[in-house]
Structure formats: C-alpha cells, structure tokens
C-alpha atoms as a PDB file:
ATOM      1  CA  UNK A   1       0.703 -93.109  21.954  1.00  0.00           C
ATOM      2  CA  UNK A   2      -0.082 -89.652  22.080  1.00  0.00           C
ATOM      3  CA  UNK A   3      -3.485 -90.135  19.667  1.00  0.00           C
ATOM      4  CA  UNK A   4      -4.367 -92.928  22.019  1.00  0.00           C
ATOM      5  CA  UNK A   5      -4.083 -90.444  25.217  1.00  0.00           C
ATOM      6  CA  UNK A   6      -6.415 -87.934  23.314  1.00  0.00           C
ATOM      7  CA  UNK A   7      -8.761 -90.394  22.262  1.00  0.00           C
ATOM      8  CA  UNK A   8     -11.283 -89.789  25.003  1.00  0.00           C
ATOM      9  CA  UNK A   9     -11.531 -85.976  24.119  1.00  0.00           C
ATOM     10  CA  UNK A  10     -11.806 -87.171  20.504  1.00  0.00           C
ATOM     11  CA  UNK A  11     -14.716 -88.584  21.529  1.00  0.00           C
ATOM     12  CA  UNK A  12     -16.222 -85.864  22.803  1.00  0.00           C
ATOM     13  CA  UNK A  13     -16.361 -84.470  19.255  1.00  0.00           C
ATOM     14  CA  UNK A  14     -19.268 -86.925  18.791  1.00  0.00           C
ATOM     15  CA  UNK A  15     -21.271 -85.249  21.219  1.00  0.00           C
ATOM     16  CA  UNK A  16     -20.877 -81.701  19.742  1.00  0.00           C
ATOM     17  CA  UNK A  17     -21.506 -82.661  16.468  1.00  0.00           C
ATOM     18  CA  UNK A  18     -19.990 -80.990  13.232  1.00  0.00           C
ATOM     19  CA  UNK A  19     -19.354 -77.593  13.166  1.00  0.00           C
ATOM     20  CA  UNK A  20     -20.853 -75.082  11.156  1.00  0.00           C
ATOM     21  CA  UNK A  21     -18.460 -75.666   8.322  1.00  0.00           C
ATOM     22  CA  UNK A  22     -19.701 -74.981   4.574  1.00  0.00           C
ATOM     23  CA  UNK A  23     -20.939 -78.812   3.703  1.00  0.00           C
ATOM     24  CA  UNK A  24     -24.281 -78.397   3.250  1.00  0.00           C
ATOM     25  CA  UNK A  25     -24.603 -75.520   0.313  1.00  0.00           C
ATOM     26  CA  UNK A  26     -28.193 -76.274  -0.902  1.00  0.00           C
ATOM     27  CA  UNK A  27     -31.846 -75.437   0.075  1.00  0.00           C
ATOM     28  CA  UNK A  28     -34.147 -72.595  -0.188  1.00  0.00           C
ATOM     29  CA  UNK A  29     -35.283 -70.190  -2.748  1.00  0.00           C
ATOM     30  CA  UNK A  30     -32.555 -67.096  -2.957  1.00  0.00           C
ATOM     31  CA  UNK A  31     -33.825 -63.667  -1.423  1.00  0.00           C
ATOM     32  CA  UNK A  32     -34.530 -60.784  -3.949  1.00  0.00           C
ATOM     33  CA  UNK A  33     -32.083 -58.181  -3.551  1.00  0.00           C
ATOM     34  CA  UNK A  34     -32.600 -54.873  -5.336  1.00  0.00           C
ATOM     35  CA  UNK A  35     -29.974 -54.825  -8.243  1.00  0.00           C
ATOM     36  CA  UNK A  36     -29.381 -51.270  -8.554  1.00  0.00           C
ATOM     37  CA  UNK A  37     -27.653 -49.813 -11.066  1.00  0.00           C
ATOM     38  CA  UNK A  38     -25.104 -51.703 -13.094  1.00  0.00           C
ATOM     39  CA  UNK A  39     -21.530 -50.224 -12.457  1.00  0.00           C
ATOM     40  CA  UNK A  40     -19.168 -49.777 -15.437  1.00  0.00           C
ATOM     41  CA  UNK A  41     -15.657 -50.375 -14.330  1.00  0.00           C
ATOM     42  CA  UNK A  42     -12.598 -48.478 -15.753  1.00  0.00           C
ATOM     43  CA  UNK A  43     -10.908 -51.120 -16.739  1.00  0.00           C
ATOM     44  CA  UNK A  44     -12.452 -54.368 -18.489  1.00  0.00           C
ATOM     45  CA  UNK A  45     -11.493 -57.796 -17.240  1.00  0.00           C
ATOM     46  CA  UNK A  46     -11.002 -59.970 -20.606  1.00  0.00           C
ATOM     47  CA  UNK A  47     -10.506 -63.818 -20.973  1.00  0.00           C
ATOM     48  CA  UNK A  48      -6.809 -64.636 -22.095  1.00  0.00           C
ATOM     49  CA  UNK A  49      -6.103 -66.977 -25.197  1.00  0.00           C
ATOM     50  CA  UNK A  50      -2.818 -66.415 -26.191  1.00  0.00           C
ATOM     51  CA  UNK A  51       0.440 -65.033 -24.780  1.00  0.00           C
ATOM     52  CA  UNK A  52      -0.370 -61.775 -22.721  1.00  0.00           C
ATOM     53  CA  UNK A  53       1.524 -59.135 -21.759  1.00  0.00           C
ATOM     54  CA  UNK A  54       1.626 -57.636 -17.809  1.00  0.00           C
ATOM     55  CA  UNK A  55       2.536 -59.012 -14.302  1.00  0.00           C
ATOM     56  CA  UNK A  56       1.344 -62.685 -14.044  1.00  0.00           C
ATOM     57  CA  UNK A  57       0.445 -64.176 -10.916  1.00  0.00           C
ATOM     58  CA  UNK A  58      -1.245 -67.508 -10.406  1.00  0.00           C
ATOM     59  CA  UNK A  59      -3.901 -67.774  -7.584  1.00  0.00           C
ATOM     60  CA  UNK A  60      -5.845 -70.098  -6.065  1.00  0.00           C
ATOM     61  CA  UNK A  61      -9.124 -70.268  -3.669  1.00  0.00           C
ATOM     62  CA  UNK A  62      -9.325 -73.404  -1.528  1.00  0.00           C
ATOM     63  CA  UNK A  63     -11.770 -74.591   1.230  1.00  0.00           C
ATOM     64  CA  UNK A  64      -9.750 -77.036   2.684  1.00  0.00           C
ATOM     65  CA  UNK A  65     -12.022 -78.280   5.513  1.00  0.00           C
ATOM     66  CA  UNK A  66      -9.108 -78.317   7.773  1.00  0.00           C
ATOM     67  CA  UNK A  67      -7.727 -80.895   6.087  1.00  0.00           C
ATOM     68  CA  UNK A  68      -9.976 -83.548   7.075  1.00  0.00           C
ATOM     69  CA  UNK A  69     -10.816 -85.231   4.191  1.00  0.00           C
ATOM     70  CA  UNK A  70     -13.980 -85.436   2.048  1.00  0.00           C
ATOM     71  CA  UNK A  71     -15.957 -87.139   4.789  1.00  0.00           C
ATOM     72  CA  UNK A  72     -16.950 -85.686   7.698  1.00  0.00           C
ATOM     73  CA  UNK A  73     -18.750 -86.076  11.178  1.00  0.00           C
ATOM     74  CA  UNK A  74     -17.351 -87.793  14.716  1.00  0.00           C
ATOM     75  CA  UNK A  75     -13.852 -88.784  14.484  1.00  0.00           C
ATOM     76  CA  UNK A  76     -13.901 -88.214  10.318  1.00  0.00           C
ATOM     77  CA  UNK A  77     -13.659 -84.332  11.507  1.00  0.00           C
ATOM     78  CA  UNK A  78      -9.968 -84.536  12.485  1.00  0.00           C
ATOM     79  CA  UNK A  79      -7.520 -83.033  10.774  1.00  0.00           C
ATOM     80  CA  UNK A  80      -4.739 -85.062   9.337  1.00  0.00           C
ATOM     81  CA  UNK A  81      -1.106 -84.258   9.038  1.00  0.00           C
ATOM     82  CA  UNK A  82      -0.646 -85.813   6.065  1.00  0.00           C
ATOM     83  CA  UNK A  83      -3.557 -84.196   4.052  1.00  0.00           C
ATOM     84  CA  UNK A  84      -2.102 -81.012   5.233  1.00  0.00           C
ATOM     85  CA  UNK A  85       1.205 -81.727   3.732  1.00  0.00           C
ATOM     86  CA  UNK A  86      -0.442 -82.991   0.761  1.00  0.00           C
ATOM     87  CA  UNK A  87      -2.327 -79.600   0.211  1.00  0.00           C
ATOM     88  CA  UNK A  88       0.913 -77.890   0.759  1.00  0.00           C
ATOM     89  CA  UNK A  89       2.702 -80.049  -1.761  1.00  0.00           C
ATOM     90  CA  UNK A  90      -0.371 -79.443  -4.529  1.00  0.00           C
ATOM     91  CA  UNK A  91       0.069 -75.956  -4.087  1.00  0.00           C
ATOM     92  CA  UNK A  92       3.787 -76.290  -4.748  1.00  0.00           C
ATOM     93  CA  UNK A  93       3.230 -78.573  -7.666  1.00  0.00           C
ATOM     94  CA  UNK A  94       0.847 -76.346  -9.392  1.00  0.00           C
ATOM     95  CA  UNK A  95       3.259 -73.352  -9.088  1.00  0.00           C
ATOM     96  CA  UNK A  96       0.613 -71.039  -7.161  1.00  0.00           C
ATOM     97  CA  UNK A  97       1.513 -67.946  -6.088  1.00  0.00           C
ATOM     98  CA  UNK A  98      -1.149 -66.600  -3.813  1.00  0.00           C
ATOM     99  CA  UNK A  99      -4.048 -68.917  -2.237  1.00  0.00           C
ATOM    100  CA  UNK A 100      -6.817 -68.006  -0.419  1.00  0.00           C
ATOM    101  CA  UNK A 101      -8.044 -70.426   2.148  1.00  0.00           C
ATOM    102  CA  UNK A 102     -11.012 -71.104   3.946  1.00  0.00           C
ATOM    103  CA  UNK A 103     -11.970 -73.397   6.613  1.00  0.00           C
ATOM    104  CA  UNK A 104      -8.359 -73.638   7.853  1.00  0.00           C
ATOM    105  CA  UNK A 105      -7.408 -73.851  11.547  1.00  0.00           C
ATOM    106  CA  UNK A 106      -4.783 -72.768  13.812  1.00  0.00           C
ATOM    107  CA  UNK A 107      -3.586 -74.721  17.124  1.00  0.00           C
ATOM    108  CA  UNK A 108      -6.681 -76.427  18.041  1.00  0.00           C
ATOM    109  CA  UNK A 109      -7.430 -80.229  19.163  1.00  0.00           C
ATOM    110  CA  UNK A 110      -9.705 -81.347  15.608  1.00  0.00           C
ATOM    111  CA  UNK A 111      -6.417 -80.679  14.078  1.00  0.00           C
ATOM    112  CA  UNK A 112      -4.014 -81.877  16.554  1.00  0.00           C
ATOM    113  CA  UNK A 113      -3.038 -78.647  17.587  1.00  0.00           C
ATOM    114  CA  UNK A 114      -1.238 -77.941  14.136  1.00  0.00           C
ATOM    115  CA  UNK A 115      -1.088 -74.351  12.970  1.00  0.00           C
ATOM    116  CA  UNK A 116      -2.033 -75.287   9.568  1.00  0.00           C
ATOM    117  CA  UNK A 117      -1.468 -71.434   7.761  1.00  0.00           C
ATOM    118  CA  UNK A 118       2.103 -71.325   9.326  1.00  0.00           C
ATOM    119  CA  UNK A 119       2.375 -75.061   8.217  1.00  0.00           C
ATOM    120  CA  UNK A 120       1.808 -74.284   4.549  1.00  0.00           C
ATOM    121  CA  UNK A 121       3.591 -71.073   4.650  1.00  0.00           C
ATOM    122  CA  UNK A 122       6.758 -72.476   6.191  1.00  0.00           C
ATOM    123  CA  UNK A 123       6.692 -75.450   3.623  1.00  0.00           C
ATOM    124  CA  UNK A 124       6.707 -73.335   0.702  1.00  0.00           C
ATOM    125  CA  UNK A 125       8.633 -70.600   1.640  1.00  0.00           C
ATOM    126  CA  UNK A 126       5.821 -68.110   1.608  1.00  0.00           C
ATOM    127  CA  UNK A 127       4.243 -65.227   3.772  1.00  0.00           C
ATOM    128  CA  UNK A 128       0.724 -65.629   5.595  1.00  0.00           C
ATOM    129  CA  UNK A 129      -1.781 -64.099   7.676  1.00  0.00           C
ATOM    130  CA  UNK A 130      -4.397 -65.737   9.437  1.00  0.00           C
ATOM    131  CA  UNK A 131      -7.635 -64.533  10.933  1.00  0.00           C
ATOM    132  CA  UNK A 132      -9.960 -66.702  13.035  1.00  0.00           C
ATOM    133  CA  UNK A 133     -13.864 -66.373  13.138  1.00  0.00           C
ATOM    134  CA  UNK A 134     -15.253 -69.524  14.778  1.00  0.00           C
ATOM    135  CA  UNK A 135     -14.195 -71.310  18.009  1.00  0.00           C
ATOM    136  CA  UNK A 136     -15.819 -74.082  20.021  1.00  0.00           C
ATOM    137  CA  UNK A 137     -15.379 -76.016  23.454  1.00  0.00           C
ATOM    138  CA  UNK A 138     -13.015 -76.282  25.642  1.00  0.00           C
ATOM    139  CA  UNK A 139     -12.083 -72.656  25.918  1.00  0.00           C
ATOM    140  CA  UNK A 140     -12.238 -72.114  22.172  1.00  0.00           C
ATOM    141  CA  UNK A 141      -9.516 -75.141  21.645  1.00  0.00           C
ATOM    142  CA  UNK A 142     -11.884 -77.729  20.439  1.00  0.00           C
ATOM    143  CA  UNK A 143     -12.232 -76.492  17.361  1.00  0.00           C
ATOM    144  CA  UNK A 144     -11.600 -73.318  15.456  1.00  0.00           C
ATOM    145  CA  UNK A 145     -11.380 -71.959  11.928  1.00  0.00           C
ATOM    146  CA  UNK A 146     -10.767 -69.014   9.854  1.00  0.00           C
ATOM    147  CA  UNK A 147      -9.588 -67.505   6.733  1.00  0.00           C
ATOM    148  CA  UNK A 148      -5.885 -67.327   5.415  1.00  0.00           C
ATOM    149  CA  UNK A 149      -3.642 -66.167   2.703  1.00  0.00           C
ATOM    150  CA  UNK A 150      -0.316 -67.572   1.822  1.00  0.00           C
ATOM    151  CA  UNK A 151       1.367 -65.759  -0.314  1.00  0.00           C
ATOM    152  CA  UNK A 152       4.936 -65.809  -2.332  1.00  0.00           C
ATOM    153  CA  UNK A 153       4.845 -62.122  -2.465  1.00  0.00           C
ATOM    154  CA  UNK A 154       5.115 -59.677   0.563  1.00  0.00           C
ATOM    155  CA  UNK A 155       1.882 -59.280   2.799  1.00  0.00           C
ATOM    156  CA  UNK A 156       2.390 -55.183   3.700  1.00  0.00           C
ATOM    157  CA  UNK A 157      -1.089 -54.792   5.513  1.00  0.00           C
ATOM    158  CA  UNK A 158      -4.188 -56.787   6.356  1.00  0.00           C
ATOM    159  CA  UNK A 159      -7.675 -56.624   8.199  1.00  0.00           C
ATOM    160  CA  UNK A 160     -10.251 -58.694   9.020  1.00  0.00           C
ATOM    161  CA  UNK A 161     -14.144 -57.924   8.152  1.00  0.00           C
ATOM    162  CA  UNK A 162     -16.527 -59.548  10.323  1.00  0.00           C
ATOM    163  CA  UNK A 163     -19.545 -59.834   8.100  1.00  0.00           C
ATOM    164  CA  UNK A 164     -23.429 -59.636   8.748  1.00  0.00           C
ATOM    165  CA  UNK A 165     -25.121 -62.322  10.909  1.00  0.00           C
ATOM    166  CA  UNK A 166     -28.702 -61.906  11.959  1.00  0.00           C
ATOM    167  CA  UNK A 167     -27.987 -62.935  15.779  1.00  0.00           C
ATOM    168  CA  UNK A 168     -25.121 -63.700  17.897  1.00  0.00           C
ATOM    169  CA  UNK A 169     -25.856 -67.254  18.138  1.00  0.00           C
ATOM    170  CA  UNK A 170     -25.227 -67.923  14.404  1.00  0.00           C
ATOM    171  CA  UNK A 171     -21.458 -68.602  13.374  1.00  0.00           C
ATOM    172  CA  UNK A 172     -19.492 -65.247  12.459  1.00  0.00           C
ATOM    173  CA  UNK A 173     -18.466 -65.063   8.829  1.00  0.00           C
ATOM    174  CA  UNK A 174     -15.819 -62.840   7.924  1.00  0.00           C
ATOM    175  CA  UNK A 175     -13.723 -61.255   4.782  1.00  0.00           C
ATOM    176  CA  UNK A 176      -9.872 -61.276   4.993  1.00  0.00           C
ATOM    177  CA  UNK A 177      -8.615 -58.390   3.404  1.00  0.00           C
ATOM    178  CA  UNK A 178      -4.745 -58.181   2.419  1.00  0.00           C
ATOM    179  CA  UNK A 179      -2.356 -55.734   0.404  1.00  0.00           C
ATOM    180  CA  UNK A 180       0.062 -57.654  -1.144  1.00  0.00           C
ATOM    181  CA  UNK A 181       3.316 -56.025  -3.138  1.00  0.00           C
ATOM    182  CA  UNK A 182       4.696 -56.862  -6.482  1.00  0.00           C
ATOM    183  CA  UNK A 183       7.301 -54.434  -6.278  1.00  0.00           C
ATOM    184  CA  UNK A 184       7.611 -52.244  -9.719  1.00  0.00           C
ATOM    185  CA  UNK A 185       4.470 -53.951 -10.940  1.00  0.00           C
ATOM    186  CA  UNK A 186       2.394 -52.438  -8.304  1.00  0.00           C
ATOM    187  CA  UNK A 187       0.345 -53.534  -5.239  1.00  0.00           C
ATOM    188  CA  UNK A 188      -3.067 -55.436  -5.162  1.00  0.00           C
ATOM    189  CA  UNK A 189      -5.732 -56.163  -2.730  1.00  0.00           C
ATOM    190  CA  UNK A 190      -6.408 -59.808  -2.087  1.00  0.00           C
ATOM    191  CA  UNK A 191     -10.137 -60.827  -0.499  1.00  0.00           C
ATOM    192  CA  UNK A 192     -11.021 -63.975   0.939  1.00  0.00           C
ATOM    193  CA  UNK A 193     -14.139 -64.877   2.011  1.00  0.00           C
ATOM    194  CA  UNK A 194     -16.576 -67.417   3.563  1.00  0.00           C
ATOM    195  CA  UNK A 195     -19.995 -66.985   3.738  1.00  0.00           C
ATOM    196  CA  UNK A 196     -23.280 -68.081   5.558  1.00  0.00           C
ATOM    197  CA  UNK A 197     -25.438 -70.713   4.460  1.00  0.00           C
ATOM    198  CA  UNK A 198     -28.351 -68.527   5.419  1.00  0.00           C
ATOM    199  CA  UNK A 199     -29.802 -66.390   2.571  1.00  0.00           C
ATOM    200  CA  UNK A 200     -30.453 -63.211   4.243  1.00  0.00           C
ATOM    201  CA  UNK A 201     -27.003 -63.280   5.875  1.00  0.00           C
ATOM    202  CA  UNK A 202     -25.268 -64.081   2.557  1.00  0.00           C
ATOM    203  CA  UNK A 203     -27.238 -61.849   0.630  1.00  0.00           C
ATOM    204  CA  UNK A 204     -26.015 -58.910   2.966  1.00  0.00           C
ATOM    205  CA  UNK A 205     -22.639 -60.215   3.166  1.00  0.00           C
ATOM    206  CA  UNK A 206     -22.028 -59.866  -0.282  1.00  0.00           C
ATOM    207  CA  UNK A 207     -23.319 -56.518  -0.464  1.00  0.00           C
ATOM    208  CA  UNK A 208     -20.650 -55.677   2.430  1.00  0.00           C
ATOM    209  CA  UNK A 209     -17.752 -57.331   0.558  1.00  0.00           C
ATOM    210  CA  UNK A 210     -19.045 -55.218  -2.796  1.00  0.00           C
ATOM    211  CA  UNK A 211     -18.571 -51.799  -0.553  1.00  0.00           C
ATOM    212  CA  UNK A 212     -14.745 -52.846   0.355  1.00  0.00           C
ATOM    213  CA  UNK A 213     -14.048 -53.734  -3.503  1.00  0.00           C
ATOM    214  CA  UNK A 214     -15.240 -50.327  -4.548  1.00  0.00           C
ATOM    215  CA  UNK A 215     -13.688 -48.564  -1.960  1.00  0.00           C
ATOM    216  CA  UNK A 216     -10.467 -50.175  -2.935  1.00  0.00           C
ATOM    217  CA  UNK A 217      -7.349 -48.312  -4.465  1.00  0.00           C
ATOM    218  CA  UNK A 218      -5.699 -51.292  -5.557  1.00  0.00           C
ATOM    219  CA  UNK A 219      -6.786 -53.917  -8.167  1.00  0.00           C
ATOM    220  CA  UNK A 220      -8.872 -56.662  -6.554  1.00  0.00           C
ATOM    221  CA  UNK A 221      -9.294 -60.550  -6.610  1.00  0.00           C
ATOM    222  CA  UNK A 222     -11.852 -62.041  -4.572  1.00  0.00           C
ATOM    223  CA  UNK A 223     -11.912 -65.939  -3.381  1.00  0.00           C
ATOM    224  CA  UNK A 224     -13.814 -67.851  -1.220  1.00  0.00           C
ATOM    225  CA  UNK A 225     -16.605 -70.269  -0.607  1.00  0.00           C
ATOM    226  CA  UNK A 226     -19.892 -68.386  -1.016  1.00  0.00           C
ATOM    227  CA  UNK A 227     -22.315 -71.486  -0.360  1.00  0.00           C
ATOM    228  CA  UNK A 228     -24.253 -70.104  -3.332  1.00  0.00           C
ATOM    229  CA  UNK A 229     -24.552 -71.216  -6.916  1.00  0.00           C
ATOM    230  CA  UNK A 230     -24.246 -68.881  -9.846  1.00  0.00           C
ATOM    231  CA  UNK A 231     -27.936 -68.828 -10.282  1.00  0.00           C
ATOM    232  CA  UNK A 232     -28.848 -67.334  -6.786  1.00  0.00           C
ATOM    233  CA  UNK A 233     -29.713 -63.455  -7.134  1.00  0.00           C
ATOM    234  CA  UNK A 234     -26.788 -62.554  -4.901  1.00  0.00           C
ATOM    235  CA  UNK A 235     -24.027 -64.215  -6.961  1.00  0.00           C
ATOM    236  CA  UNK A 236     -25.891 -62.713 -10.099  1.00  0.00           C
ATOM    237  CA  UNK A 237     -25.595 -59.228  -8.337  1.00  0.00           C
ATOM    238  CA  UNK A 238     -22.195 -59.556  -7.515  1.00  0.00           C
ATOM    239  CA  UNK A 239     -21.357 -60.516 -11.078  1.00  0.00           C
ATOM    240  CA  UNK A 240     -22.718 -57.368 -12.695  1.00  0.00           C
ATOM    241  CA  UNK A 241     -20.251 -55.731 -10.587  1.00  0.00           C
ATOM    242  CA  UNK A 242     -17.090 -57.874 -10.515  1.00  0.00           C
ATOM    243  CA  UNK A 243     -16.395 -60.363 -13.105  1.00  0.00           C
ATOM    244  CA  UNK A 244     -16.541 -63.968 -12.157  1.00  0.00           C
ATOM    245  CA  UNK A 245     -13.422 -65.356 -13.724  1.00  0.00           C
ATOM    246  CA  UNK A 246     -14.640 -69.062 -12.691  1.00  0.00           C
ATOM    247  CA  UNK A 247     -17.885 -69.049 -14.955  1.00  0.00           C
ATOM    248  CA  UNK A 248     -16.387 -71.826 -17.089  1.00  0.00           C
ATOM    249  CA  UNK A 249     -17.218 -74.672 -14.128  1.00  0.00           C
ATOM    250  CA  UNK A 250     -19.770 -75.877 -12.787  1.00  0.00           C
ATOM    251  CA  UNK A 251     -18.573 -77.959  -9.664  1.00  0.00           C
ATOM    252  CA  UNK A 252     -16.207 -76.950  -7.246  1.00  0.00           C
ATOM    253  CA  UNK A 253     -17.986 -79.329  -4.246  1.00  0.00           C
ATOM    254  CA  UNK A 254     -17.456 -83.088  -4.007  1.00  0.00           C
ATOM    255  CA  UNK A 255     -17.214 -83.051  -7.971  1.00  0.00           C
ATOM    256  CA  UNK A 256     -21.200 -82.908  -8.146  1.00  0.00           C
ATOM    257  CA  UNK A 257     -22.474 -81.393 -11.022  1.00  0.00           C
ATOM    258  CA  UNK A 258     -23.991 -78.117 -11.356  1.00  0.00           C
ATOM    259  CA  UNK A 259     -22.581 -77.702  -7.209  1.00  0.00           C
ATOM    260  CA  UNK A 260     -20.461 -74.552  -7.960  1.00  0.00           C
ATOM    261  CA  UNK A 261     -20.119 -72.547  -4.477  1.00  0.00           C
ATOM    262  CA  UNK A 262     -16.435 -71.512  -4.834  1.00  0.00           C
ATOM    263  CA  UNK A 263     -15.460 -68.523  -6.754  1.00  0.00           C
ATOM    264  CA  UNK A 264     -13.149 -65.768  -8.039  1.00  0.00           C
ATOM    265  CA  UNK A 265     -14.228 -62.167  -9.126  1.00  0.00           C
ATOM    266  CA  UNK A 266     -12.015 -59.391  -9.852  1.00  0.00           C
ATOM    267  CA  UNK A 267     -12.111 -55.695 -10.529  1.00  0.00           C
ATOM    268  CA  UNK A 268      -9.065 -53.662 -11.958  1.00  0.00           C
ATOM    269  CA  UNK A 269      -7.101 -53.838 -14.789  1.00  0.00           C
ATOM    270  CA  UNK A 270      -6.893 -57.434 -15.109  1.00  0.00           C
ATOM    271  CA  UNK A 271      -6.789 -59.924 -17.842  1.00  0.00           C
ATOM    272  CA  UNK A 272      -7.349 -63.469 -16.836  1.00  0.00           C
ATOM    273  CA  UNK A 273      -7.061 -67.104 -17.928  1.00  0.00           C
ATOM    274  CA  UNK A 274      -9.661 -70.209 -17.725  1.00  0.00           C
ATOM    275  CA  UNK A 275     -10.239 -71.559 -14.377  1.00  0.00           C
ATOM    276  CA  UNK A 276      -9.646 -75.037 -13.469  1.00  0.00           C
ATOM    277  CA  UNK A 277     -10.415 -77.157 -10.284  1.00  0.00           C
ATOM    278  CA  UNK A 278      -8.190 -79.893  -8.927  1.00  0.00           C
ATOM    279  CA  UNK A 279      -7.778 -82.133  -6.133  1.00  0.00           C
ATOM    280  CA  UNK A 280     -10.963 -84.083  -5.953  1.00  0.00           C
ATOM    281  CA  UNK A 281      -9.241 -87.372  -6.314  1.00  0.00           C
ATOM    282  CA  UNK A 282      -6.689 -86.381  -3.910  1.00  0.00           C
ATOM    283  CA  UNK A 283      -9.452 -86.675  -0.822  1.00  0.00           C
ATOM    284  CA  UNK A 284      -7.529 -83.409   1.020  1.00  0.00           C
ATOM    285  CA  UNK A 285     -11.166 -81.884   1.143  1.00  0.00           C
ATOM    286  CA  UNK A 286     -14.796 -81.925  -0.104  1.00  0.00           C
ATOM    287  CA  UNK A 287     -13.920 -78.828  -2.023  1.00  0.00           C
ATOM    288  CA  UNK A 288     -11.647 -78.771  -5.013  1.00  0.00           C
ATOM    289  CA  UNK A 289      -8.773 -76.160  -5.297  1.00  0.00           C
ATOM    290  CA  UNK A 290      -9.635 -73.507  -7.688  1.00  0.00           C
ATOM    291  CA  UNK A 291      -7.004 -72.027  -9.933  1.00  0.00           C
ATOM    292  CA  UNK A 292      -6.784 -69.255 -12.327  1.00  0.00           C
ATOM    293  CA  UNK A 293      -3.706 -66.894 -14.022  1.00  0.00           C
ATOM    294  CA  UNK A 294      -4.150 -63.198 -13.972  1.00  0.00           C
ATOM    295  CA  UNK A 295      -2.140 -60.579 -15.399  1.00  0.00           C
ATOM    296  CA  UNK A 296      -1.627 -57.232 -13.736  1.00  0.00           C
ATOM    297  CA  UNK A 297      -2.057 -54.281 -16.599  1.00  0.00           C
ATOM    298  CA  UNK A 298      -0.209 -51.252 -16.606  1.00  0.00           C
ATOM    299  CA  UNK A 299      -3.318 -48.606 -15.769  1.00  0.00           C
ATOM    300  CA  UNK A 300      -1.207 -45.724 -16.709  1.00  0.00           C
ATOM    301  CA  UNK A 301      -0.696 -46.842 -20.348  1.00  0.00           C
END
C-alpha cells in the first residue's frame, strides 16, 4: 500500500529522466596526456599462483546501480530491497573482506528511503563509511548517490576528495579515501572512485587520484568505476604507476566483451591473485562484482 501511495512521486522520475549514472561508458577519442617519467615503486606487486605468505584480504569493487538491476529508465530506476539483500548475501557468500561500492544511495526516494551502505554493513556485521557526491530533486531526496567502503576490519579514518569537473553543472565525482587497520599486520589505504564520462574530466581525475596514492604512507588498493577502457591513454598512464590487478578481465559491464570499465589498482608491498567478476546472472546491477585476493607483505623484511 505504501508503494501505491508513492506511485505519483515515482512517476515524477519519468519526467526528470535518468541520473548521470555511469551507464554509457563509450564514445569519443581519449584525450592525450603527458605520460611523464614512469615511476619505479619500492615494491613490485606480483601475481600469485601458489600458496602465498603475508596477510590475506579479499577485496571487491562493485557499482551496484543503487540495486535497480541491469535495466534503467523511469520506474526501472527504483532500487529494489530484494536486490540489495542479494548484493549483501553475494558479499557474504564470497567471503569478501572489503568492498568499495559506487552508485550506492542513502535514504532517498529512488531507493525507498533505504540506507543502502548501512543495510549491507549491518547484514554482514561490518564497518562502513559513506560519502555522497550527487543529489537531485525534492530537496535532494529524489535521487542521491555516492561511494561507500564496507569493511570487516576497523576503518580508523576517512576523507572524501571531490574530483575535478569542468563546470558546476557537471556531476560532482569523488574519491573516497579510508585507512583500514589490520592490527599487527599494519594499516592500508583503500580508495574508491567513480569517474566522469567526460574525457577531459576523467583524465584530470585520474591524475588527482595518483597524487593521493603517491603521497600515501600506507599500501594502497584503488577500486572503482573509471568509465574508461584499458586502451585509453588515461588508464594506461595510471597503469605505468600502479599495477592493474584486473588486467586478465575483458568485461565488467553488462557482460559485454571488451567493455571493462571497473578496475583494481595497487601500490605498495602486495602480492595478488587472479581477478574474477561475478553477479551478471543475478541481475542486481548492470556491473559485475570485481574480486581479487591480496597478500600484504612485511615491508621491513
């Protein structure tokens, strides 16, 4: 009955159309950027084949499209509680320790006022942080979205970095930056970013993120939806400075061949496994859940 009472408001969504979500990751020739001097990290991240020493953590990056499923537009934009619960169960079933979420919402009409990051964290018994970077209509309550980190391990601090946009009319994109404490194994930095569809903006946004990584005292894992394919100059530029641990994959979006726009990058004393993408068949989102295992090495040895 509640849904029926809200139906007139839902119809308003048909008028405003879709949000600026990352559902059109194509088009245009990538801008050229100065690749500069390739940096040589103190530690080289290597792919893992056999049993591996170090502190193991399983990390995922997941654009959940506010749990609407793979279809979009009009009433299809409404986030569904059953899909949100399915996403939480997917994380649990795959024993994922840390997840960086993009296109996740907190308390707006489009998701039936559900606090999505809080629900997932409570379902798992995990910690979480959330930062909003977009709002629209009805005093900002019609549709919102942002980035979230949900972690089995304590999150000791976090900061949201607003990323470059060419003008104030363009959607604000951001990078959520959190320090996670592994106890005796040390602390790491998790970055979760959702980048622009605009090529000029995303180029500068990647450069901004690299500066955060370069200044970090902690080992870094970067996840997110970059809205850029591996062959783009901006992604290749970042891959010269960090390691793309998802380079074995060729799709993360709608299971379309050669449409990889979500990534994991690492910097610091890491070993890593082989990435996999899951969830396309479950229709929780138009993106898959991108997973890899990491082993934090003792840098003092």
